[in-house]
Amino acid sequence: MALIQQAQNAAVCTPSDVTKFTQDTSLFVGVGGDVAVIMWGDTVAVTLKNVASGATLPINVRKVMSTNTTATNIILLTNNPA
């Protein structure tokens, strides 16, 4: 199991079915709901259901999809420059 490192950069996430992120991007969900993502090692979206407000998801995402995402105020957390 990999050790989770503290993020050094943060940016507002606008869900998009097109925009790809760099590797080592996790998420903070401000207002809960469903979050549809394509994980870094996958090509198909999965929907994380009922993510709580204030949750930090220590996952490595390629995309946060606008389709099926109902959560809002999502923040990208990364160690890569913005």
Protein backbone atom coordinates (compact mmCIF):
# COMPACT_ATOMS: atom_id res chain seq x y z
CA MET A 1 0.00 0.00 0.00
CA ALA A 2 1.38 3.38 -1.01
CA LEU A 3 1.79 6.12 1.55
CA ILE A 4 -0.55 9.05 0.93
CA GLN A 5 1.41 12.29 0.69
CA GLN A 6 0.14 15.72 1.62
CA ALA A 7 -1.01 17.80 -1.34
CA GLN A 8 1.04 20.86 -2.22
CA ASN A 9 -1.38 22.41 -4.74
CA ALA A 10 -5.14 22.87 -4.96
CA ALA A 11 -7.42 24.05 -7.74
CA VAL A 12 -11.14 24.34 -8.33
CA CYS A 13 -12.46 21.39 -10.34
CA THR A 14 -15.04 21.95 -13.03
CA PRO A 15 -16.37 18.50 -13.95
CA SER A 16 -15.91 17.77 -17.65
CA ASP A 17 -16.28 14.71 -19.81
CA VAL A 18 -13.26 15.94 -21.81
CA THR A 19 -10.67 17.49 -19.47
CA LYS A 20 -7.90 15.15 -18.27
CA PHE A 21 -5.79 15.73 -15.16
CA THR A 22 -2.20 14.85 -14.43
CA GLN A 23 -1.35 11.84 -12.33
CA ASP A 24 -1.42 12.13 -8.53
CA THR A 25 -4.65 14.10 -8.38
CA SER A 26 -7.05 13.39 -5.51
CA LEU A 27 -10.31 15.15 -4.64
CA PHE A 28 -11.94 17.13 -1.86
CA VAL A 29 -15.76 17.25 -2.10
CA GLY A 30 -17.25 20.42 -0.63
CA VAL A 31 -20.93 19.61 -1.09
CA GLY A 32 -21.76 15.92 -1.15
CA GLY A 33 -23.40 13.87 -3.85
CA ASP A 34 -22.31 11.47 -6.58
CA VAL A 35 -18.86 11.85 -8.17
CA ALA A 36 -18.28 10.18 -11.54
CA VAL A 37 -14.59 9.64 -12.28
CA ILE A 38 -12.25 7.85 -14.61
CA MET A 39 -9.41 6.52 -12.51
CA TRP A 40 -5.83 6.97 -13.71
CA GLY A 41 -5.43 3.31 -14.70
CA ASP A 42 -8.89 2.92 -16.28
CA THR A 43 -10.77 4.07 -19.37
CA VAL A 44 -14.35 3.66 -18.13
CA ALA A 45 -16.13 5.98 -15.70
CA VAL A 46 -17.38 4.78 -12.33
CA THR A 47 -19.73 6.71 -10.08
CA LEU A 48 -18.90 7.03 -6.41
CA LYS A 49 -22.36 7.27 -4.86
CA ASN A 50 -23.35 9.50 -1.95
CA VAL A 51 -19.93 10.99 -1.20
CA ALA A 52 -20.26 13.01 2.00
CA SER A 53 -19.72 16.77 2.19
CA GLY A 54 -16.17 17.50 3.33
CA ALA A 55 -14.81 14.14 2.17
CA THR A 56 -11.27 13.84 0.85
CA LEU A 57 -10.97 11.01 -1.65
CA PRO A 58 -7.41 9.63 -1.76
CA ILE A 59 -7.83 8.36 -5.31
CA ASN A 60 -5.85 9.02 -8.47
CA VAL A 61 -8.24 10.39 -11.10
CA ARG A 62 -7.78 11.03 -14.80
CA LYS A 63 -11.15 12.81 -15.19
CA VAL A 64 -14.02 14.07 -13.08
CA MET A 65 -16.98 13.59 -15.37
CA SER A 66 -19.80 16.11 -15.67
CA THR A 67 -22.14 13.27 -16.61
CA ASN A 68 -23.49 11.67 -13.40
CA THR A 69 -21.63 14.03 -11.03
CA THR A 70 -24.03 15.76 -8.63
CA ALA A 71 -21.51 16.78 -5.94
CA THR A 72 -20.29 20.38 -6.09
CA ASN A 73 -17.43 22.53 -4.81
CA ILE A 74 -14.91 19.85 -5.80
CA ILE A 75 -11.25 20.74 -5.29
CA LEU A 76 -8.32 18.99 -7.00
CA LEU A 77 -5.45 18.18 -4.64
CA THR A 78 -2.10 17.41 -6.22
CA ASN A 79 1.64 17.54 -5.80
CA ASN A 80 2.09 18.69 -9.40
CA PRO A 81 2.24 22.38 -10.35
CA ALA A 82 -1.10 23.82 -11.50
